[in-house]
C-alpha cells in the first residue's frame, strides 16, 4: 500500500507534463482543437498541466499524509467539476472515462490518508 501515494503523485505529474508541454495534443484529446489561440494554449499549460505537476511534486516533497490527502482533494475537486459538466452539459463516453480516473485517484488517496 505504501506505493499508492507516490503512484498517485506520479500520475498527477504524468498527466500534468502532457498538458504543460503538449498543450495542442491535450486540446485535441479534450475536443478543444478550435481553442489554439495563445490564451487557450496558455490555460491548458497552466491549469491542465503545470498545476498537476506542482501538486504531484509538492505531495512527494512533503511526503505527509496531509500532503497526499490534499492531492486527493484536488482530484476530487476535478471529479466534482466533471460531474457538474455531465449533469449540466450532457454526458459523453470521454467525460465518463475521465471521471472514472479522477474518482479512482481521489478516493484511493483519500482513503489511505484520512
N, C-alpha and C. Protein backbone atom coordinates (compact mmCIF):
# COMPACT_ATOMS: atom_id res chain seq x y z
N UNK A 1 0.81 -1.20 0.00
CA UNK A 1 0.00 0.00 0.00
C UNK A 1 0.86 1.26 0.00
N UNK A 2 2.11 1.14 0.44
CA UNK A 2 2.96 2.32 0.51
C UNK A 2 3.26 2.90 -0.87
N UNK A 3 3.03 2.13 -1.92
CA UNK A 3 3.32 2.61 -3.27
C UNK A 3 2.19 3.45 -3.85
N UNK A 4 1.00 3.42 -3.25
CA UNK A 4 -0.15 4.11 -3.83
C UNK A 4 -0.04 5.63 -3.77
N UNK A 5 0.47 6.16 -2.68
CA UNK A 5 0.64 7.62 -2.60
C UNK A 5 1.61 8.13 -3.66
N UNK A 6 2.82 7.57 -3.74
CA UNK A 6 3.71 8.03 -4.80
C UNK A 6 3.15 7.78 -6.20
N UNK A 7 2.43 6.68 -6.38
CA UNK A 7 1.83 6.40 -7.68
C UNK A 7 0.82 7.49 -8.06
N UNK A 8 0.00 7.90 -7.12
CA UNK A 8 -0.97 8.98 -7.39
C UNK A 8 -0.25 10.27 -7.73
N UNK A 9 0.84 10.55 -7.04
CA UNK A 9 1.62 11.76 -7.34
C UNK A 9 2.24 11.66 -8.73
N UNK A 10 2.75 10.49 -9.08
CA UNK A 10 3.35 10.32 -10.40
C UNK A 10 2.30 10.38 -11.51
N UNK A 11 1.10 9.89 -11.26
CA UNK A 11 0.01 10.02 -12.23
C UNK A 11 -0.30 11.50 -12.43
N UNK A 12 -0.36 12.24 -11.34
CA UNK A 12 -0.60 13.69 -11.43
C UNK A 12 0.48 14.37 -12.26
N UNK A 13 1.72 14.03 -11.97
CA UNK A 13 2.84 14.63 -12.69
C UNK A 13 2.80 14.23 -14.16
N UNK A 14 2.52 12.96 -14.43
CA UNK A 14 2.48 12.48 -15.81
C UNK A 14 1.43 13.19 -16.64
N UNK A 15 0.19 13.24 -16.13
CA UNK A 15 -0.86 13.97 -16.86
C UNK A 15 -0.50 15.45 -16.97
N UNK A 16 0.08 15.99 -15.90
CA UNK A 16 0.46 17.40 -15.91
C UNK A 16 1.51 17.72 -16.96
N UNK A 17 2.52 16.85 -17.08
CA UNK A 17 3.57 17.08 -18.07
C UNK A 17 2.97 17.10 -19.48
N UNK A 18 2.03 16.21 -19.74
CA UNK A 18 1.39 16.19 -21.06
C UNK A 18 0.67 17.50 -21.32
N UNK A 19 -0.14 17.95 -20.35
CA UNK A 19 -0.86 19.21 -20.53
C UNK A 19 0.06 20.41 -20.63
N UNK A 20 1.13 20.39 -19.87
CA UNK A 20 2.06 21.50 -19.81
C UNK A 20 2.91 21.61 -21.08
N UNK A 21 3.48 20.48 -21.50
CA UNK A 21 4.43 20.50 -22.61
C UNK A 21 3.82 20.11 -23.95
N UNK A 22 2.61 19.56 -23.93
CA UNK A 22 1.94 19.16 -25.17
C UNK A 22 0.51 19.73 -25.20
N UNK A 23 0.37 21.04 -25.07
CA UNK A 23 -0.96 21.62 -24.93
C UNK A 23 -1.85 21.41 -26.16
N UNK A 24 -1.29 21.43 -27.35
CA UNK A 24 -2.13 21.25 -28.54
C UNK A 24 -2.65 19.82 -28.62
N UNK A 25 -1.83 18.85 -28.22
CA UNK A 25 -2.30 17.47 -28.13
C UNK A 25 -3.41 17.37 -27.09
N UNK A 26 -3.21 18.00 -25.95
CA UNK A 26 -4.22 17.98 -24.89
C UNK A 26 -5.52 18.61 -25.37
N UNK A 27 -5.42 19.72 -26.07
CA UNK A 27 -6.63 20.35 -26.63
C UNK A 27 -7.34 19.40 -27.58
N UNK A 28 -6.58 18.66 -28.37
CA UNK A 28 -7.17 17.70 -29.30
C UNK A 28 -7.88 16.58 -28.54
N UNK A 29 -7.23 16.03 -27.52
CA UNK A 29 -7.83 14.95 -26.72
C UNK A 29 -9.12 15.42 -26.06
N UNK A 30 -9.16 16.68 -25.65
CA UNK A 30 -10.32 17.24 -24.97
C UNK A 30 -11.36 17.81 -25.93
N UNK A 31 -11.15 17.57 -27.23
CA UNK A 31 -12.07 18.09 -28.26
C UNK A 31 -12.15 19.60 -28.24
N UNK A 32 -11.03 20.26 -28.01
CA UNK A 32 -10.97 21.72 -27.95
C UNK A 32 -10.02 22.28 -29.01
N UNK A 33 -9.88 21.57 -30.12
CA UNK A 33 -8.91 21.96 -31.14
C UNK A 33 -9.09 23.41 -31.60
N UNK A 34 -10.29 23.94 -31.60
CA UNK A 34 -10.53 25.29 -32.07
C UNK A 34 -10.03 26.37 -31.13
N UNK A 35 -9.55 25.99 -29.97
CA UNK A 35 -9.09 26.96 -28.96
C UNK A 35 -7.58 26.99 -28.89
N UNK A 36 -6.96 27.05 -30.05
CA UNK A 36 -5.49 27.01 -30.07
C UNK A 36 -4.88 28.41 -30.11
N UNK A 37 -5.68 29.45 -29.80
CA UNK A 37 -5.07 30.77 -29.67
C UNK A 37 -4.13 30.76 -28.46
N UNK A 38 -3.36 31.79 -28.30
CA UNK A 38 -2.35 31.75 -27.25
C UNK A 38 -2.95 31.65 -25.85
N UNK A 39 -4.13 32.21 -25.62
CA UNK A 39 -4.74 32.12 -24.29
C UNK A 39 -5.24 30.70 -24.02
N UNK A 40 -5.82 30.05 -25.01
CA UNK A 40 -6.28 28.67 -24.83
C UNK A 40 -5.12 27.74 -24.52
N UNK A 41 -4.04 27.88 -25.27
CA UNK A 41 -2.84 27.07 -25.03
C UNK A 41 -2.26 27.38 -23.66
N UNK A 42 -2.21 28.66 -23.31
CA UNK A 42 -1.69 29.07 -22.01
C UNK A 42 -2.51 28.47 -20.87
N UNK A 43 -3.82 28.45 -21.01
CA UNK A 43 -4.69 27.91 -19.97
C UNK A 43 -4.46 26.41 -19.78
N UNK A 44 -4.31 25.69 -20.88
CA UNK A 44 -4.02 24.26 -20.78
C UNK A 44 -2.67 24.03 -20.11
N UNK A 45 -1.65 24.80 -20.53
CA UNK A 45 -0.33 24.64 -19.91
C UNK A 45 -0.39 24.88 -18.40
N UNK A 46 -1.17 25.88 -17.99
CA UNK A 46 -1.24 26.25 -16.58
C UNK A 46 -2.15 25.33 -15.78
N UNK A 47 -3.45 25.34 -16.10
CA UNK A 47 -4.42 24.63 -15.26
C UNK A 47 -4.51 23.14 -15.55
N UNK A 48 -4.23 22.74 -16.77
CA UNK A 48 -4.30 21.32 -17.10
C UNK A 48 -2.93 20.67 -17.16
N UNK A 49 -1.91 21.43 -16.84
CA UNK A 49 -0.57 20.92 -16.95
C UNK A 49 0.28 21.16 -15.72
N UNK A 50 0.90 22.33 -15.68
CA UNK A 50 1.87 22.61 -14.62
C UNK A 50 1.25 22.57 -13.23
N UNK A 51 -0.03 22.90 -13.11
CA UNK A 51 -0.70 22.80 -11.81
C UNK A 51 -0.63 21.37 -11.28
N UNK A 52 -0.89 20.40 -12.14
CA UNK A 52 -0.84 18.99 -11.71
C UNK A 52 0.59 18.55 -11.42
N UNK A 53 1.55 19.07 -12.17
CA UNK A 53 2.95 18.78 -11.88
C UNK A 53 3.31 19.30 -10.49
N UNK A 54 2.92 20.53 -10.20
CA UNK A 54 3.20 21.11 -8.89
C UNK A 54 2.53 20.36 -7.75
N UNK A 55 1.29 19.94 -7.97
CA UNK A 55 0.58 19.17 -6.93
C UNK A 55 1.31 17.86 -6.64
N UNK A 56 1.71 17.16 -7.69
CA UNK A 56 2.38 15.88 -7.51
C UNK A 56 3.74 16.03 -6.86
N UNK A 57 4.52 16.99 -7.34
CA UNK A 57 5.84 17.21 -6.76
C UNK A 57 5.72 17.67 -5.31
N UNK A 58 4.76 18.54 -5.04
CA UNK A 58 4.55 19.01 -3.67
C UNK A 58 4.21 17.87 -2.72
N UNK A 59 3.33 16.98 -3.15
CA UNK A 59 2.96 15.84 -2.31
C UNK A 59 4.16 14.93 -2.07
N UNK A 60 4.94 14.67 -3.13
CA UNK A 60 6.13 13.83 -2.96
C UNK A 60 7.16 14.50 -2.06
N UNK A 61 7.37 15.79 -2.24
CA UNK A 61 8.36 16.52 -1.44
C UNK A 61 7.98 16.54 0.04
N UNK A 62 6.72 16.89 0.31
CA UNK A 62 6.28 16.95 1.71
C UNK A 62 6.16 15.56 2.30
N UNK A 63 5.63 14.63 1.53
CA UNK A 63 5.58 13.23 1.93
C UNK A 63 4.72 12.91 3.14
N UNK A 64 3.84 13.81 3.51
CA UNK A 64 2.99 13.57 4.68
C UNK A 64 1.61 13.10 4.25
N UNK A 65 0.90 12.44 5.15
CA UNK A 65 -0.48 12.06 4.82
C UNK A 65 -1.34 13.27 4.44
N UNK A 66 -1.12 14.40 5.11
CA UNK A 66 -1.90 15.60 4.79
C UNK A 66 -1.61 16.07 3.36
N UNK A 67 -0.35 16.00 2.94
CA UNK A 67 0.00 16.43 1.59
C UNK A 67 -0.66 15.52 0.55
N UNK A 68 -0.63 14.22 0.79
CA UNK A 68 -1.26 13.30 -0.15
C UNK A 68 -2.79 13.41 -0.10
N UNK A 69 -3.34 13.68 1.09
CA UNK A 69 -4.79 13.91 1.19
C UNK A 69 -5.18 15.14 0.37
N UNK A 70 -4.37 16.19 0.41
CA UNK A 70 -4.65 17.38 -0.38
C UNK A 70 -4.61 17.05 -1.87
N UNK A 71 -3.68 16.21 -2.28
CA UNK A 71 -3.64 15.76 -3.66
C UNK A 71 -4.95 15.06 -4.02
N UNK A 72 -5.42 14.21 -3.12
CA UNK A 72 -6.70 13.53 -3.32
C UNK A 72 -7.86 14.50 -3.41
N UNK A 73 -7.83 15.54 -2.57
CA UNK A 73 -8.89 16.56 -2.61
C UNK A 73 -8.89 17.29 -3.95
N UNK A 74 -7.71 17.56 -4.49
CA UNK A 74 -7.63 18.21 -5.80
C UNK A 74 -8.26 17.33 -6.88
N UNK A 75 -7.95 16.05 -6.87
CA UNK A 75 -8.55 15.13 -7.83
C UNK A 75 -10.06 15.02 -7.60
N UNK A 76 -10.49 15.05 -6.34
CA UNK A 76 -11.92 15.03 -6.04
C UNK A 76 -12.60 16.28 -6.58
N UNK A 77 -11.93 17.42 -6.43
CA UNK A 77 -12.47 18.66 -6.99
C UNK A 77 -12.63 18.57 -8.49
N UNK A 78 -11.65 17.98 -9.16
CA UNK A 78 -11.76 17.79 -10.62
C UNK A 78 -12.96 16.90 -10.95
N UNK A 79 -13.16 15.85 -10.16
CA UNK A 79 -14.29 14.95 -10.43
C UNK A 79 -15.63 15.65 -10.18
N UNK A 80 -15.68 16.55 -9.22
CA UNK A 80 -16.92 17.31 -8.97
C UNK A 80 -17.21 18.23 -10.16
N UNK A 81 -16.17 18.85 -10.69
CA UNK A 81 -16.34 19.65 -11.89
C UNK A 81 -16.81 18.81 -13.06
N UNK A 82 -16.28 17.61 -13.19
CA UNK A 82 -16.66 16.70 -14.28
C UNK A 82 -18.12 16.28 -14.11
N UNK A 83 -18.53 15.95 -12.88
CA UNK A 83 -19.93 15.57 -12.64
C UNK A 83 -20.86 16.73 -12.97
N UNK A 84 -20.46 17.93 -12.58
CA UNK A 84 -21.25 19.11 -12.90
C UNK A 84 -21.42 19.23 -14.41
N UNK A 85 -20.36 19.01 -15.16
CA UNK A 85 -20.44 19.08 -16.62
C UNK A 85 -21.36 17.99 -17.18
N UNK A 86 -21.27 16.81 -16.64
CA UNK A 86 -22.14 15.72 -17.11
C UNK A 86 -23.60 16.07 -16.89
N UNK A 87 -23.92 16.62 -15.71
CA UNK A 87 -25.31 16.96 -15.38
C UNK A 87 -25.79 18.16 -16.21
N UNK A 88 -24.98 19.20 -16.30
CA UNK A 88 -25.43 20.45 -16.94
C UNK A 88 -25.20 20.50 -18.44
N UNK A 89 -24.14 19.83 -18.92
CA UNK A 89 -23.75 19.95 -20.31
C UNK A 89 -24.01 18.69 -21.13
N UNK A 90 -24.35 17.59 -20.46
CA UNK A 90 -24.55 16.33 -21.15
C UNK A 90 -23.35 15.42 -21.00
N UNK A 91 -23.60 14.15 -21.09
CA UNK A 91 -22.55 13.15 -20.88
C UNK A 91 -22.01 12.66 -22.22
N UNK A 92 -20.74 12.28 -22.20
CA UNK A 92 -20.12 11.58 -23.31
C UNK A 92 -19.29 10.45 -22.73
N UNK A 93 -18.90 9.55 -23.58
CA UNK A 93 -18.06 8.44 -23.14
C UNK A 93 -16.73 8.95 -22.59
N UNK A 94 -16.18 9.97 -23.24
CA UNK A 94 -14.90 10.53 -22.82
C UNK A 94 -15.02 11.16 -21.43
N UNK A 95 -16.10 11.90 -21.17
CA UNK A 95 -16.30 12.51 -19.85
C UNK A 95 -16.39 11.43 -18.77
N UNK A 96 -17.11 10.36 -19.07
CA UNK A 96 -17.24 9.28 -18.10
C UNK A 96 -15.89 8.63 -17.83
N UNK A 97 -15.09 8.44 -18.87
CA UNK A 97 -13.75 7.87 -18.69
C UNK A 97 -12.86 8.73 -17.81
N UNK A 98 -12.86 10.03 -18.09
CA UNK A 98 -12.06 10.94 -17.26
C UNK A 98 -12.57 10.95 -15.83
N UNK A 99 -13.89 10.93 -15.65
CA UNK A 99 -14.47 10.91 -14.31
C UNK A 99 -14.03 9.67 -13.53
N UNK A 100 -14.03 8.53 -14.17
CA UNK A 100 -13.63 7.30 -13.50
C UNK A 100 -12.18 7.40 -13.02
N UNK A 101 -11.29 7.89 -13.87
CA UNK A 101 -9.88 8.04 -13.47
C UNK A 101 -9.77 9.01 -12.30
N UNK A 102 -10.45 10.15 -12.40
CA UNK A 102 -10.39 11.15 -11.33
C UNK A 102 -10.89 10.59 -10.01
N UNK A 103 -12.00 9.86 -10.05
CA UNK A 103 -12.55 9.28 -8.82
C UNK A 103 -11.65 8.20 -8.24
N UNK A 104 -11.08 7.37 -9.09
CA UNK A 104 -10.18 6.31 -8.59
C UNK A 104 -8.99 6.92 -7.87
N UNK A 105 -8.35 7.91 -8.50
CA UNK A 105 -7.19 8.55 -7.86
C UNK A 105 -7.62 9.23 -6.57
N UNK A 106 -8.69 10.03 -6.64
CA UNK A 106 -9.14 10.80 -5.47
C UNK A 106 -9.50 9.88 -4.30
N UNK A 107 -10.37 8.93 -4.54
CA UNK A 107 -10.88 8.11 -3.45
C UNK A 107 -9.83 7.20 -2.88
N UNK A 108 -8.91 6.70 -3.72
CA UNK A 108 -7.83 5.85 -3.22
C UNK A 108 -6.92 6.64 -2.29
N UNK A 109 -6.48 7.81 -2.75
CA UNK A 109 -5.55 8.61 -1.94
C UNK A 109 -6.22 9.11 -0.68
N UNK A 110 -7.49 9.50 -0.78
CA UNK A 110 -8.19 9.97 0.43
C UNK A 110 -8.42 8.83 1.42
N UNK A 111 -8.75 7.66 0.93
CA UNK A 111 -8.97 6.51 1.83
C UNK A 111 -7.70 6.15 2.59
N UNK A 112 -6.58 6.27 1.95
CA UNK A 112 -5.30 5.93 2.59
C UNK A 112 -4.87 6.97 3.61
N UNK A 113 -5.18 8.23 3.35
CA UNK A 113 -4.59 9.32 4.13
C UNK A 113 -5.51 10.03 5.10
N UNK A 114 -6.79 9.75 5.05
CA UNK A 114 -7.71 10.41 6.02
C UNK A 114 -8.16 9.44 7.08
